[in-house]
PDB file of N, CA and C in Angstrom:
ATOM      1  N   UNK A   1      95.264 155.857  87.443  1.00  0.00           N
ATOM      2  CA  UNK A   1      93.852 156.164  87.545  1.00  0.00           C
ATOM      3  C   UNK A   1      93.199 155.851  86.203  1.00  0.00           C
ATOM      4  N   UNK A   2      92.024 155.288  86.265  1.00  0.00           N
ATOM      5  CA  UNK A   2      91.264 154.958  85.062  1.00  0.00           C
ATOM      6  C   UNK A   2      90.339 156.104  84.713  1.00  0.00           C
ATOM      7  N   UNK A   3      90.290 156.437  83.468  1.00  0.00           N
ATOM      8  CA  UNK A   3      89.368 157.491  83.022  1.00  0.00           C
ATOM      9  C   UNK A   3      87.938 157.053  83.266  1.00  0.00           C
ATOM     10  N   UNK A   4      87.105 157.994  83.617  1.00  0.00           N
ATOM     11  CA  UNK A   4      85.684 157.722  83.840  1.00  0.00           C
ATOM     12  C   UNK A   4      84.906 158.869  83.218  1.00  0.00           C
ATOM     13  N   UNK A   5      84.342 158.630  82.054  1.00  0.00           N
ATOM     14  CA  UNK A   5      83.715 159.674  81.251  1.00  0.00           C
ATOM     15  C   UNK A   5      82.669 160.499  81.985  1.00  0.00           C
ATOM     16  N   UNK A   6      81.803 159.932  82.825  1.00  0.00           N
ATOM     17  CA  UNK A   6      80.816 160.758  83.503  1.00  0.00           C
ATOM     18  C   UNK A   6      81.406 161.834  84.410  1.00  0.00           C
ATOM     19  N   UNK A   7      82.695 161.773  84.688  1.00  0.00           N
ATOM     20  CA  UNK A   7      83.303 162.867  85.437  1.00  0.00           C
ATOM     21  C   UNK A   7      83.125 164.187  84.695  1.00  0.00           C
ATOM     22  N   UNK A   8      83.157 164.127  83.387  1.00  0.00           N
ATOM     23  CA  UNK A   8      83.015 165.335  82.581  1.00  0.00           C
ATOM     24  C   UNK A   8      81.648 165.982  82.775  1.00  0.00           C
ATOM     25  N   UNK A   9      80.658 165.209  83.137  1.00  0.00           N
ATOM     26  CA  UNK A   9      79.311 165.741  83.358  1.00  0.00           C
ATOM     27  C   UNK A   9      79.036 165.982  84.844  1.00  0.00           C
ATOM     28  N   UNK A  10      80.053 165.928  85.658  1.00  0.00           N
ATOM     29  CA  UNK A  10      79.965 166.171  87.107  1.00  0.00           C
ATOM     30  C   UNK A  10      79.093 165.163  87.829  1.00  0.00           C
ATOM     31  N   UNK A  11      78.996 163.958  87.325  1.00  0.00           N
ATOM     32  CA  UNK A  11      78.167 162.946  87.967  1.00  0.00           C
ATOM     33  C   UNK A  11      78.675 162.582  89.354  1.00  0.00           C
ATOM     34  N   UNK A  12      79.937 162.741  89.617  1.00  0.00           N
ATOM     35  CA  UNK A  12      80.469 162.411  90.941  1.00  0.00           C
ATOM     36  C   UNK A  12      80.521 163.617  91.872  1.00  0.00           C
ATOM     37  N   UNK A  13      80.233 164.792  91.350  1.00  0.00           N
ATOM     38  CA  UNK A  13      80.368 166.006  92.143  1.00  0.00           C
ATOM     39  C   UNK A  13      79.070 166.423  92.825  1.00  0.00           C
ATOM     40  N   UNK A  14      77.998 165.672  92.598  1.00  0.00           N
ATOM     41  CA  UNK A  14      76.717 166.061  93.162  1.00  0.00           C
ATOM     42  C   UNK A  14      75.872 164.831  93.431  1.00  0.00           C
ATOM     43  N   UNK A  15      74.860 165.002  94.219  1.00  0.00           N
ATOM     44  CA  UNK A  15      73.889 163.937  94.465  1.00  0.00           C
ATOM     45  C   UNK A  15      73.059 163.727  93.207  1.00  0.00           C
ATOM     46  N   UNK A  16      72.577 162.520  93.002  1.00  0.00           N
ATOM     47  CA  UNK A  16      71.774 162.245  91.806  1.00  0.00           C
ATOM     48  C   UNK A  16      70.462 163.011  91.805  1.00  0.00           C
ATOM     49  N   UNK A  17      70.035 163.532  92.965  1.00  0.00           N
ATOM     50  CA  UNK A  17      68.787 164.292  93.028  1.00  0.00           C
ATOM     51  C   UNK A  17      68.987 165.779  92.759  1.00  0.00           C
ATOM     52  N   UNK A  18      70.230 166.232  92.728  1.00  0.00           N
ATOM     53  CA  UNK A  18      70.526 167.641  92.474  1.00  0.00           C
ATOM     54  C   UNK A  18      70.452 167.913  90.982  1.00  0.00           C
ATOM     55  N   UNK A  19      69.849 169.024  90.634  1.00  0.00           N
ATOM     56  CA  UNK A  19      69.767 169.394  89.227  1.00  0.00           C
ATOM     57  C   UNK A  19      70.194 170.846  89.043  1.00  0.00           C
ATOM     58  N   UNK A  20      70.361 171.242  87.818  1.00  0.00           N
ATOM     59  CA  UNK A  20      70.714 172.615  87.493  1.00  0.00           C
ATOM     60  C   UNK A  20      70.159 172.931  86.105  1.00  0.00           C
ATOM     61  N   UNK A  21      70.140 174.180  85.756  1.00  0.00           N
ATOM     62  CA  UNK A  21      69.669 174.578  84.429  1.00  0.00           C
ATOM     63  C   UNK A  21      70.508 173.889  83.357  1.00  0.00           C
ATOM     64  N   UNK A  22      71.805 173.835  83.586  1.00  0.00           N
ATOM     65  CA  UNK A  22      72.709 173.204  82.621  1.00  0.00           C
ATOM     66  C   UNK A  22      72.363 171.725  82.433  1.00  0.00           C
ATOM     67  N   UNK A  23      72.166 171.025  83.535  1.00  0.00           N
ATOM     68  CA  UNK A  23      71.840 169.600  83.439  1.00  0.00           C
ATOM     69  C   UNK A  23      70.500 169.364  82.747  1.00  0.00           C
ATOM     70  N   UNK A  24      69.560 170.270  82.976  1.00  0.00           N
ATOM     71  CA  UNK A  24      68.238 170.122  82.377  1.00  0.00           C
ATOM     72  C   UNK A  24      68.243 170.416  80.874  1.00  0.00           C
ATOM     73  N   UNK A  25      69.159 171.251  80.425  1.00  0.00           N
ATOM     74  CA  UNK A  25      69.140 171.679  79.020  1.00  0.00           C
ATOM     75  C   UNK A  25      70.253 171.088  78.161  1.00  0.00           C
ATOM     76  N   UNK A  26      71.177 170.370  78.751  1.00  0.00           N
ATOM     77  CA  UNK A  26      72.304 169.812  77.995  1.00  0.00           C
ATOM     78  C   UNK A  26      71.884 168.527  77.271  1.00  0.00           C
ATOM     79  N   UNK A  27      71.412 168.679  76.061  1.00  0.00           N
ATOM     80  CA  UNK A  27      70.920 167.546  75.278  1.00  0.00           C
ATOM     81  C   UNK A  27      72.039 166.558  74.952  1.00  0.00           C
ATOM     82  N   UNK A  28      73.229 167.068  74.705  1.00  0.00           N
ATOM     83  CA  UNK A  28      74.346 166.196  74.344  1.00  0.00           C
ATOM     84  C   UNK A  28      74.713 165.284  75.508  1.00  0.00           C
ATOM     85  N   UNK A  29      74.777 165.833  76.712  1.00  0.00           N
ATOM     86  CA  UNK A  29      75.099 165.012  77.880  1.00  0.00           C
ATOM     87  C   UNK A  29      74.023 163.955  78.102  1.00  0.00           C
ATOM     88  N   UNK A  30      72.767 164.340  77.952  1.00  0.00           N
ATOM     89  CA  UNK A  30      71.682 163.357  78.125  1.00  0.00           C
ATOM     90  C   UNK A  30      71.807 162.234  77.111  1.00  0.00           C
ATOM     91  N   UNK A  31      72.086 162.578  75.860  1.00  0.00           N
ATOM     92  CA  UNK A  31      72.240 161.559  74.821  1.00  0.00           C
ATOM     93  C   UNK A  31      73.437 160.662  75.128  1.00  0.00           C
ATOM     94  N   UNK A  32      74.492 161.277  75.608  1.00  0.00           N
ATOM     95  CA  UNK A  32      75.733 160.549  75.843  1.00  0.00           C
ATOM     96  C   UNK A  32      75.643 159.615  77.046  1.00  0.00           C
ATOM     97  N   UNK A  33      74.961 160.041  78.105  1.00  0.00           N
ATOM     98  CA  UNK A  33      74.996 159.298  79.359  1.00  0.00           C
ATOM     99  C   UNK A  33      73.704 158.575  79.712  1.00  0.00           C
ATOM    100  N   UNK A  34      72.592 158.891  79.085  1.00  0.00           N
ATOM    101  CA  UNK A  34      71.298 158.308  79.469  1.00  0.00           C
ATOM    102  C   UNK A  34      71.305 156.785  79.383  1.00  0.00           C
ATOM    103  N   UNK A  35      71.903 156.256  78.355  1.00  0.00           N
ATOM    104  CA  UNK A  35      71.908 154.801  78.148  1.00  0.00           C
ATOM    105  C   UNK A  35      72.621 154.053  79.274  1.00  0.00           C
ATOM    106  N   UNK A  36      73.626 154.660  79.834  1.00  0.00           N
ATOM    107  CA  UNK A  36      74.435 153.998  80.866  1.00  0.00           C
ATOM    108  C   UNK A  36      74.110 154.475  82.285  1.00  0.00           C
ATOM    109  N   UNK A  37      73.063 155.273  82.435  1.00  0.00           N
ATOM    110  CA  UNK A  37      72.780 155.891  83.729  1.00  0.00           C
ATOM    111  C   UNK A  37      72.656 154.879  84.863  1.00  0.00           C
ATOM    112  N   UNK A  38      71.948 153.789  84.660  1.00  0.00           N
ATOM    113  CA  UNK A  38      71.773 152.820  85.751  1.00  0.00           C
ATOM    114  C   UNK A  38      73.105 152.202  86.170  1.00  0.00           C
ATOM    115  N   UNK A  39      73.971 151.951  85.211  1.00  0.00           N
ATOM    116  CA  UNK A  39      75.291 151.402  85.540  1.00  0.00           C
ATOM    117  C   UNK A  39      76.167 152.459  86.202  1.00  0.00           C
ATOM    118  N   UNK A  40      76.064 153.694  85.721  1.00  0.00           N
ATOM    119  CA  UNK A  40      76.826 154.779  86.336  1.00  0.00           C
ATOM    120  C   UNK A  40      76.419 154.959  87.793  1.00  0.00           C
ATOM    121  N   UNK A  41      75.126 154.857  88.082  1.00  0.00           N
ATOM    122  CA  UNK A  41      74.661 155.038  89.456  1.00  0.00           C
ATOM    123  C   UNK A  41      75.244 153.981  90.386  1.00  0.00           C
ATOM    124  N   UNK A  42      75.401 152.760  89.906  1.00  0.00           N
ATOM    125  CA  UNK A  42      76.040 151.720  90.718  1.00  0.00           C
ATOM    126  C   UNK A  42      77.478 152.102  91.057  1.00  0.00           C
ATOM    127  N   UNK A  43      78.187 152.612  90.078  1.00  0.00           N
ATOM    128  CA  UNK A  43      79.579 153.031  90.291  1.00  0.00           C
ATOM    129  C   UNK A  43      79.631 154.210  91.253  1.00  0.00           C
ATOM    130  N   UNK A  44      78.753 155.175  91.051  1.00  0.00           N
ATOM    131  CA  UNK A  44      78.722 156.365  91.898  1.00  0.00           C
ATOM    132  C   UNK A  44      78.395 155.993  93.338  1.00  0.00           C
ATOM    133  N   UNK A  45      77.426 155.106  93.535  1.00  0.00           N
ATOM    134  CA  UNK A  45      77.082 154.662  94.885  1.00  0.00           C
ATOM    135  C   UNK A  45      78.262 153.963  95.556  1.00  0.00           C
ATOM    136  N   UNK A  46      78.951 153.128  94.815  1.00  0.00           N
ATOM    137  CA  UNK A  46      80.095 152.400  95.378  1.00  0.00           C
ATOM    138  C   UNK A  46      81.224 153.359  95.744  1.00  0.00           C
ATOM    139  N   UNK A  47      81.475 154.340  94.912  1.00  0.00           N
ATOM    140  CA  UNK A  47      82.508 155.329  95.216  1.00  0.00           C
ATOM    141  C   UNK A  47      82.136 156.084  96.481  1.00  0.00           C
ATOM    142  N   UNK A  48      80.844 156.407  96.636  1.00  0.00           N
ATOM    143  CA  UNK A  48      80.386 157.071  97.864  1.00  0.00           C
ATOM    144  C   UNK A  48      80.622 156.214  99.089  1.00  0.00           C
ATOM    145  N   UNK A  49      80.359 154.916  98.977  1.00  0.00           N
ATOM    146  CA  UNK A  49      80.601 153.996 100.091  1.00  0.00           C
ATOM    147  C   UNK A  49      82.074 153.957 100.460  1.00  0.00           C
ATOM    148  N   UNK A  50      82.917 153.899  99.467  1.00  0.00           N
ATOM    149  CA  UNK A  50      84.357 153.851  99.721  1.00  0.00           C
ATOM    150  C   UNK A  50      84.856 155.157 100.326  1.00  0.00           C
ATOM    151  N   UNK A  51      84.247 156.259  99.919  1.00  0.00           N
ATOM    152  CA  UNK A  51      84.663 157.574 100.441  1.00  0.00           C
ATOM    153  C   UNK A  51      84.322 157.729 101.918  1.00  0.00           C
ATOM    154  N   UNK A  52      83.253 157.059 102.331  1.00  0.00           N
ATOM    155  CA  UNK A  52      82.855 157.161 103.749  1.00  0.00           C
ATOM    156  C   UNK A  52      83.776 156.320 104.576  1.00  0.00           C
TER     157      UNK A  52
END
């Protein structure tokens, strides 16, 4: 299995439209993942397709 850093931020555990207090206030996660968000969403969408 290949490591996938956004797993640490639960990007695969929820819909991209779901939010939480933690997600809204976690400045470090936003700094870490914001730059790659569009690419991460492509990966997340593809994983969802494969899961179905």
